[in-house]
C-alpha atoms as a PDB file:
ATOM      1  CA  MET A   1     100.882 101.328 103.314  1.00  0.00           C
ATOM      2  CA  ILE A   2     101.489 102.402  99.724  1.00  0.00           C
ATOM      3  CA  ILE A   3     104.016 101.399  97.084  1.00  0.00           C
ATOM      4  CA  SER A   4     103.672 103.897  94.259  1.00  0.00           C
ATOM      5  CA  TYR A   5     105.522 102.842  91.141  1.00  0.00           C
ATOM      6  CA  ALA A   6     103.955 105.752  89.277  1.00  0.00           C
ATOM      7  CA  ARG A   7     105.309 108.383  91.708  1.00  0.00           C
ATOM      8  CA  GLU A   8     108.283 106.352  92.985  1.00  0.00           C
ATOM      9  CA  PHE A   9     107.580 106.532  96.702  1.00  0.00           C
ATOM     10  CA  ILE A  10     106.648 104.179  99.524  1.00  0.00           C
ATOM     11  CA  PHE A  11     104.402 105.308 102.365  1.00  0.00           C
ATOM     12  CA  LEU A  12     105.454 103.687 105.646  1.00  0.00           C
ATOM     13  CA  LYS A  13     102.452 103.935 107.958  1.00  0.00           C
ATOM     14  CA  THR A  14     103.081 104.476 111.665  1.00  0.00           C
ATOM     15  CA  GLN A  15     100.464 104.225 114.421  1.00  0.00           C
ATOM     16  CA  LYS A  16      98.367 107.118 115.816  1.00  0.00           C
ATOM     17  CA  THR A  17     100.074 109.748 113.673  1.00  0.00           C
ATOM     18  CA  GLY A  18      97.317 110.686 111.209  1.00  0.00           C
ATOM     19  CA  GLY A  19      98.534 107.923 108.900  1.00  0.00           C
ATOM     20  CA  SER A  20      95.121 106.912 107.583  1.00  0.00           C
ATOM     21  CA  SER A  21      94.319 110.480 106.543  1.00  0.00           C
ATOM     22  CA  VAL A  22      97.630 110.784 104.701  1.00  0.00           C
ATOM     23  CA  GLU A  23      97.221 107.336 103.153  1.00  0.00           C
ATOM     24  CA  ILE A  24      93.788 108.174 101.772  1.00  0.00           C
ATOM     25  CA  ALA A  25      95.004 111.473 100.331  1.00  0.00           C
ATOM     26  CA  LEU A  26      98.130 109.936  98.789  1.00  0.00           C
ATOM     27  CA  SER A  27      96.047 107.100  97.322  1.00  0.00           C
ATOM     28  CA  CYS A  28      94.343 109.661  95.082  1.00  0.00           C
ATOM     29  CA  LEU A  29      97.732 110.461  93.504  1.00  0.00           C
ATOM     30  CA  CYS A  30      98.567 106.853  92.664  1.00  0.00           C
ATOM     31  CA  GLY A  31      98.421 104.990  89.382  1.00  0.00           C
ATOM     32  CA  PRO A  32      96.428 101.832  88.562  1.00  0.00           C
ATOM     33  CA  GLY A  33      99.474  99.597  89.069  1.00  0.00           C
ATOM     34  CA  ASP A  34     100.348 100.942  92.527  1.00  0.00           C
ATOM     35  CA  VAL A  35      99.945  98.999  95.773  1.00  0.00           C
ATOM     36  CA  LEU A  36      97.273 100.352  98.147  1.00  0.00           C
ATOM     37  CA  THR A  37      96.783  98.175 101.205  1.00  0.00           C
ATOM     38  CA  ARG A  38      93.423  97.598 102.809  1.00  0.00           C
ATOM     39  CA  LEU A  39      92.037  99.998 105.417  1.00  0.00           C
ATOM     40  CA  SER A  40      89.338  99.533 108.030  1.00  0.00           C
ATOM     41  CA  PRO A  41      85.788  99.430 106.567  1.00  0.00           C
ATOM     42  CA  ASP A  42      84.994 103.035 107.550  1.00  0.00           C
ATOM     43  CA  GLU A  43      88.281 104.325 106.180  1.00  0.00           C
ATOM     44  CA  GLU A  44      87.891 102.306 102.992  1.00  0.00           C
ATOM     45  CA  ASP A  45      84.450 103.851 102.485  1.00  0.00           C
ATOM     46  CA  LEU A  46      85.993 107.300 102.864  1.00  0.00           C
ATOM     47  CA  ARG A  47      88.698 106.486 100.322  1.00  0.00           C
ATOM     48  CA  ARG A  48      86.165 104.980  97.938  1.00  0.00           C
ATOM     49  CA  ARG A  49      84.254 108.274  97.915  1.00  0.00           C
ATOM     50  CA  SER A  50      87.374 109.794  96.376  1.00  0.00           C
ATOM     51  CA  GLY A  51      87.194 107.206  93.612  1.00  0.00           C
ATOM     52  CA  VAL A  52      90.006 105.013  94.952  1.00  0.00           C
ATOM     53  CA  GLN A  53      90.110 101.704  96.783  1.00  0.00           C
ATOM     54  CA  ALA A  54      92.595  99.081  97.941  1.00  0.00           C
ATOM     55  CA  ARG A  55      94.287  97.288  95.069  1.00  0.00           C
ATOM     56  CA  ASN A  56      97.322  95.236  94.055  1.00  0.00           C
ATOM     57  CA  PHE A  57      97.942  94.239  97.690  1.00  0.00           C
ATOM     58  CA  ARG A  58      98.761  90.618  96.863  1.00  0.00           C
ATOM     59  CA  ILE A  59     102.513  90.107  97.190  1.00  0.00           C
ATOM     60  CA  PRO A  60     104.104  88.767  93.979  1.00  0.00           C
ATOM     61  CA  ARG A  61     104.673  85.030  94.308  1.00  0.00           C
ATOM     62  CA  GLU A  62     108.461  85.269  94.031  1.00  0.00           C
ATOM     63  CA  TYR A  63     108.622  87.537  97.083  1.00  0.00           C
ATOM     64  CA  ARG A  64     106.346  85.545  99.377  1.00  0.00           C
ATOM     65  CA  PRO A  65     107.893  83.714 102.337  1.00  0.00           C
ATOM     66  CA  TRP A  66     107.739  79.957 102.363  1.00  0.00           C
ATOM     67  CA  TRP A  67     104.856  79.887 104.859  1.00  0.00           C
ATOM     68  CA  GLY A  68     102.796  82.137 102.616  1.00  0.00           C
ATOM     69  CA  ARG A  69     103.358  79.884  99.615  1.00  0.00           C
ATOM     70  CA  ALA A  70     102.594  76.793 101.705  1.00  0.00           C
ATOM     71  CA  GLY A  71      99.415  78.335 103.059  1.00  0.00           C
ATOM     72  CA  GLU A  72      98.283  79.194  99.552  1.00  0.00           C
ATOM     73  CA  LEU A  73      98.767  75.607  98.414  1.00  0.00           C
ATOM     74  CA  MET A  74      96.726  74.457 101.397  1.00  0.00           C
ATOM     75  CA  ARG A  75      94.055  77.057 100.607  1.00  0.00           C
ATOM     76  CA  ILE A  76      94.525  78.756 103.963  1.00  0.00           C
ATOM     77  CA  ASP A  77      93.906  82.478 104.258  1.00  0.00           C
ATOM     78  CA  GLN A  78      97.400  83.803 104.904  1.00  0.00           C
ATOM     79  CA  ALA A  79      96.786  87.552 104.605  1.00  0.00           C
ATOM     80  CA  ARG A  80      98.908  88.088 107.693  1.00  0.00           C
ATOM     81  CA  GLY A  81     101.311  85.319 106.803  1.00  0.00           C
ATOM     82  CA  GLY A  82     103.029  86.561 103.708  1.00  0.00           C
ATOM     83  CA  THR A  83     100.626  86.673 100.744  1.00  0.00           C
ATOM     84  CA  GLU A  84      99.418  90.272 101.165  1.00  0.00           C
ATOM     85  CA  TYR A  85     100.980  93.634 101.855  1.00  0.00           C
ATOM     86  CA  ARG A  86      99.329  95.104 104.962  1.00  0.00           C
ATOM     87  CA  SER A  87      98.814  98.445 106.620  1.00  0.00           C
ATOM     88  CA  HIS A  88     101.517  98.758 109.299  1.00  0.00           C
ATOM     89  CA  MET A  89     104.184  96.716 107.527  1.00  0.00           C
ATOM     90  CA  SER A  90     107.751  97.565 108.462  1.00  0.00           C
ATOM     91  CA  ALA A  91     110.348  98.827 106.018  1.00  0.00           C
ATOM     92  CA  LYS A  92     112.397  95.680 106.605  1.00  0.00           C
ATOM     93  CA  VAL A  93     109.532  93.387 105.667  1.00  0.00           C
ATOM     94  CA  ILE A  94     108.457  95.508 102.684  1.00  0.00           C
ATOM     95  CA  ARG A  95     111.988  95.431 101.296  1.00  0.00           C
ATOM     96  CA  ALA A  96     111.989  91.632 101.577  1.00  0.00           C
ATOM     97  CA  ARG A  97     108.616  91.416  99.798  1.00  0.00           C
ATOM     98  CA  MET A  98     109.529  93.439  96.704  1.00  0.00           C
ATOM     99  CA  ASP A  99     112.488  94.181  94.459  1.00  0.00           C
ATOM    100  CA  ALA A 100     115.072  95.434  96.973  1.00  0.00           C
ATOM    101  CA  ALA A 101     116.750  97.667  94.383  1.00  0.00           C
ATOM    102  CA  VAL A 102     113.424  99.389  93.717  1.00  0.00           C
ATOM    103  CA  PHE A 103     112.820  99.800  97.450  1.00  0.00           C
ATOM    104  CA  ASP A 104     116.225 101.406  97.867  1.00  0.00           C
ATOM    105  CA  ARG A 105     115.688 103.748  94.915  1.00  0.00           C
ATOM    106  CA  PHE A 106     112.206 104.945  95.850  1.00  0.00           C
ATOM    107  CA  ARG A 107     111.594 107.717  98.340  1.00  0.00           C
ATOM    108  CA  LYS A 108     110.219 106.512 101.665  1.00  0.00           C
ATOM    109  CA  VAL A 109     107.777 108.833 103.454  1.00  0.00           C
ATOM    110  CA  THR A 110     106.514 108.396 107.013  1.00  0.00           C
ATOM    111  CA  ILE A 111     105.016 110.355 109.922  1.00  0.00           C
ATOM    112  CA  VAL A 112     106.425 110.883 113.406  1.00  0.00           C
ATOM    113  CA  ARG A 113     104.747 112.297 116.519  1.00  0.00           C
ATOM    114  CA  ASN A 114     105.827 113.310 120.001  1.00  0.00           C
ATOM    115  CA  PRO A 115     105.771 109.923 121.790  1.00  0.00           C
ATOM    116  CA  TRP A 116     104.246 111.302 125.001  1.00  0.00           C
ATOM    117  CA  ASP A 117     101.373 112.830 123.049  1.00  0.00           C
ATOM    118  CA  ARG A 118     100.991 109.703 120.890  1.00  0.00           C
ATOM    119  CA  GLU A 119     100.758 107.483 123.996  1.00  0.00           C
ATOM    120  CA  VAL A 120      97.810 109.509 125.287  1.00  0.00           C
ATOM    121  CA  SER A 121      96.088 109.227 121.907  1.00  0.00           C
ATOM    122  CA  LEU A 122      96.768 105.482 121.818  1.00  0.00           C
ATOM    123  CA  TYR A 123      95.310 105.101 125.296  1.00  0.00           C
ATOM    124  CA  TYR A 124      91.983 106.697 124.386  1.00  0.00           C
ATOM    125  CA  TRP A 125      91.834 104.631 121.209  1.00  0.00           C
ATOM    126  CA  HIS A 126      92.544 101.487 123.240  1.00  0.00           C
ATOM    127  CA  ILE A 127      89.734 102.109 125.766  1.00  0.00           C
ATOM    128  CA  ARG A 128      87.162 103.487 123.314  1.00  0.00           C
ATOM    129  CA  ASN A 129      84.754 100.513 123.643  1.00  0.00           C
ATOM    130  CA  ARG A 130      85.593  99.357 127.145  1.00  0.00           C
ATOM    131  CA  SER A 131      83.116  99.694 129.995  1.00  0.00           C
ATOM    132  CA  ASN A 132      85.772  99.289 132.687  1.00  0.00           C
ATOM    133  CA  PRO A 133      88.957 100.750 131.195  1.00  0.00           C
ATOM    134  CA  PRO A 134      92.334 100.775 132.923  1.00  0.00           C
ATOM    135  CA  THR A 135      93.766 104.038 134.140  1.00  0.00           C
ATOM    136  CA  PHE A 136      96.289 105.822 131.951  1.00  0.00           C
ATOM    137  CA  ASP A 137      98.964 105.041 134.544  1.00  0.00           C
ATOM    138  CA  ARG A 138      98.251 101.316 134.273  1.00  0.00           C
ATOM    139  CA  PHE A 139      98.103 101.499 130.482  1.00  0.00           C
ATOM    140  CA  VAL A 140     101.565 103.067 130.257  1.00  0.00           C
ATOM    141  CA  ARG A 141     102.983 100.503 132.695  1.00  0.00           C
ATOM    142  CA  ARG A 142     101.739  97.565 130.587  1.00  0.00           C
ATOM    143  CA  LEU A 143     104.365  95.067 129.474  1.00  0.00           C
ATOM    144  CA  LEU A 144     105.257  95.386 125.803  1.00  0.00           C
ATOM    145  CA  HIS A 145     107.397  92.827 124.025  1.00  0.00           C
ATOM    146  CA  ASN A 146     108.094  94.993 120.994  1.00  0.00           C
ATOM    147  CA  PRO A 147     107.053  98.599 121.738  1.00  0.00           C
ATOM    148  CA  GLU A 148     108.635 100.105 118.607  1.00  0.00           C
ATOM    149  CA  ARG A 149     106.840  97.695 116.262  1.00  0.00           C
ATOM    150  CA  LYS A 150     104.495 100.371 114.873  1.00  0.00           C
ATOM    151  CA  THR A 151     106.751 103.367 115.364  1.00  0.00           C
ATOM    152  CA  PHE A 152     110.555 103.385 114.971  1.00  0.00           C
ATOM    153  CA  LYS A 153     110.724  99.928 113.378  1.00  0.00           C
ATOM    154  CA  ILE A 154     108.248 100.936 110.676  1.00  0.00           C
ATOM    155  CA  TYR A 155     110.665 103.416 109.101  1.00  0.00           C
ATOM    156  CA  SER A 156     114.010 101.863 110.032  1.00  0.00           C
ATOM    157  CA  ILE A 157     115.931  98.713 109.174  1.00  0.00           C
ATOM    158  CA  ASP A 158     118.226  97.197 111.799  1.00  0.00           C
ATOM    159  CA  GLY A 159     118.248 100.460 113.735  1.00  0.00           C
ATOM    160  CA  ARG A 160     118.975 102.693 110.737  1.00  0.00           C
ATOM    161  CA  ILE A 161     116.291 105.145 109.622  1.00  0.00           C
ATOM    162  CA  VAL A 162     115.548 104.559 105.934  1.00  0.00           C
ATOM    163  CA  ALA A 163     112.708 107.064 105.558  1.00  0.00           C
ATOM    164  CA  THR A 164     113.797 109.895 103.275  1.00  0.00           C
ATOM    165  CA  ASP A 165     110.822 112.176 103.907  1.00  0.00           C
ATOM    166  CA  ILE A 166     109.662 112.742 107.490  1.00  0.00           C
ATOM    167  CA  LEU A 167     106.295 114.374 108.086  1.00  0.00           C
ATOM    168  CA  ARG A 168     105.703 115.623 111.611  1.00  0.00           C
ATOM    169  CA  TYR A 169     102.247 115.181 113.098  1.00  0.00           C
ATOM    170  CA  GLU A 170     102.625 118.559 114.775  1.00  0.00           C
ATOM    171  CA  ASN A 171     102.862 120.196 111.343  1.00  0.00           C
ATOM    172  CA  LEU A 172     101.143 117.532 109.286  1.00  0.00           C
ATOM    173  CA  ALA A 173      99.087 119.563 106.812  1.00  0.00           C
ATOM    174  CA  ASP A 174     102.035 121.737 105.778  1.00  0.00           C
ATOM    175  CA  ASP A 175     104.517 118.838 105.671  1.00  0.00           C
ATOM    176  CA  TYR A 176     102.105 116.777 103.582  1.00  0.00           C
ATOM    177  CA  LYS A 177     101.600 119.641 101.145  1.00  0.00           C
ATOM    178  CA  ALA A 178     105.368 120.126 100.839  1.00  0.00           C
ATOM    179  CA  PHE A 179     105.874 116.427 100.113  1.00  0.00           C
ATOM    180  CA  VAL A 180     103.201 116.378  97.420  1.00  0.00           C
ATOM    181  CA  SER A 181     104.677 119.536  95.885  1.00  0.00           C
ATOM    182  CA  SER A 182     108.063 117.803  95.796  1.00  0.00           C
ATOM    183  CA  LEU A 183     106.453 115.178  93.557  1.00  0.00           C
ATOM    184  CA  GLY A 184     105.770 117.936  91.049  1.00  0.00           C
ATOM    185  CA  LEU A 185     102.065 118.199  91.866  1.00  0.00           C
ATOM    186  CA  ASN A 186     100.105 121.327  92.675  1.00  0.00           C
ATOM    187  CA  ASP A 187      96.845 121.651  94.623  1.00  0.00           C
ATOM    188  CA  PRO A 188      97.159 118.327  96.463  1.00  0.00           C
ATOM    189  CA  GLU A 189      94.137 116.422  97.692  1.00  0.00           C
ATOM    190  CA  PRO A 190      93.304 117.839 101.155  1.00  0.00           C
ATOM    191  CA  LEU A 191      93.783 115.590 104.137  1.00  0.00           C
ATOM    192  CA  PRO A 192      90.505 113.943 105.176  1.00  0.00           C
ATOM    193  CA  PHE A 193      89.568 113.402 108.803  1.00  0.00           C
ATOM    194  CA  ALA A 194      89.839 109.639 108.636  1.00  0.00           C
ATOM    195  CA  LYS A 195      89.251 108.653 112.264  1.00  0.00           C
ATOM    196  CA  SER A 196      86.740 109.973 114.763  1.00  0.00           C
ATOM    197  CA  THR A 197      88.511 111.166 117.878  1.00  0.00           C
ATOM    198  CA  TYR A 198      87.947 109.322 121.141  1.00  0.00           C
ATOM    199  CA  ARG A 199      90.136 111.693 123.109  1.00  0.00           C
ATOM    200  CA  PRO A 200      88.328 114.200 125.334  1.00  0.00           C
ATOM    201  CA  GLY A 201      89.074 117.826 124.661  1.00  0.00           C
ATOM    202  CA  GLU A 202      90.384 118.427 128.161  1.00  0.00           C
ATOM    203  CA  THR A 203      93.232 115.933 127.536  1.00  0.00           C
ATOM    204  CA  ARG A 204      94.804 117.972 124.736  1.00  0.00           C
ATOM    205  CA  ASP A 205      97.660 118.919 127.056  1.00  0.00           C
ATOM    206  CA  TYR A 206      99.159 115.438 127.184  1.00  0.00           C
ATOM    207  CA  ARG A 207     101.590 116.426 129.948  1.00  0.00           C
ATOM    208  CA  ALA A 208      98.769 116.597 132.481  1.00  0.00           C
ATOM    209  CA  GLN A 209      98.223 112.840 132.092  1.00  0.00           C
ATOM    210  CA  TYR A 210     101.691 111.885 133.312  1.00  0.00           C
ATOM    211  CA  ASN A 211     103.569 111.508 136.551  1.00  0.00           C
ATOM    212  CA  ALA A 212     107.347 111.205 136.816  1.00  0.00           C
ATOM    213  CA  THR A 213     107.279 107.412 136.513  1.00  0.00           C
ATOM    214  CA  THR A 214     105.061 107.169 133.431  1.00  0.00           C
ATOM    215  CA  ARG A 215     106.920 110.044 131.782  1.00  0.00           C
ATOM    216  CA  ASP A 216     110.186 108.129 132.182  1.00  0.00           C
ATOM    217  CA  ILE A 217     108.682 104.855 130.945  1.00  0.00           C
ATOM    218  CA  VAL A 218     107.713 106.503 127.644  1.00  0.00           C
ATOM    219  CA  ALA A 219     111.123 108.179 127.460  1.00  0.00           C
ATOM    220  CA  ARG A 220     112.890 104.809 127.737  1.00  0.00           C
ATOM    221  CA  ARG A 221     110.455 102.939 125.518  1.00  0.00           C
ATOM    222  CA  TYR A 222     110.800 105.336 122.588  1.00  0.00           C
ATOM    223  CA  ALA A 223     114.309 106.638 123.258  1.00  0.00           C
ATOM    224  CA  ARG A 224     115.564 106.158 119.692  1.00  0.00           C
ATOM    225  CA  GLU A 225     112.695 108.115 118.185  1.00  0.00           C
ATOM    226  CA  ILE A 226     112.969 110.873 120.793  1.00  0.00           C
ATOM    227  CA  GLU A 227     116.670 111.270 120.122  1.00  0.00           C
ATOM    228  CA  ALA A 228     116.345 111.102 116.335  1.00  0.00           C
ATOM    229  CA  PHE A 229     113.730 113.864 116.115  1.00  0.00           C
ATOM    230  CA  GLY A 230     114.543 115.988 119.139  1.00  0.00           C
ATOM    231  CA  TYR A 231     111.274 115.456 120.994  1.00  0.00           C
ATOM    232  CA  THR A 232     111.009 116.588 124.607  1.00  0.00           C
ATOM    233  CA  PHE A 233     108.338 116.107 127.235  1.00  0.00           C
END
């Protein structure tokens, strides 16, 4: 996640959409006072090679929730409890943890991806280190309390999409370049390949992974996103 005061945009990072690659590239455009949240060690190393690293991710005291302030007084690490901005933080939470008027004024950029394709990618990421992984069918059928937590709810508040700039994974390089150009910048930093792929090449046609039941589960689970962006199976 990024809050760029220098460029007046907020990057809302969704899951399995190429977000880390975009975050690293956008970090190179940011000023010294901008918020760059922490990445995984490998991704942080990649960003550091570009001369940039996580910074300013501590939430200002006046915007911390009471449990974050209490944890700080008790000297408890509350990185997930309200003292730090974090990677997949939702628009609603970000707005509550900064000046709301600034949040509303800044552009909000995010990435969306065909949910059926994203689910296949998420599956192979989920099983990457497992010796006895579940089948894709079982993975899709898993019970999820809050399935939109790292997708639709990242770039919406109370069901309303607040992102002003939507990059599509299916056209990510061009959409990213257009966004950077809209900031008045030429020759943007190219997108790095931030994550090694764990998805076999023969699974590139995501449709082959589904049956009628699992196809419909994904359709129901991500119905708002599918409708908003016109995705089809």
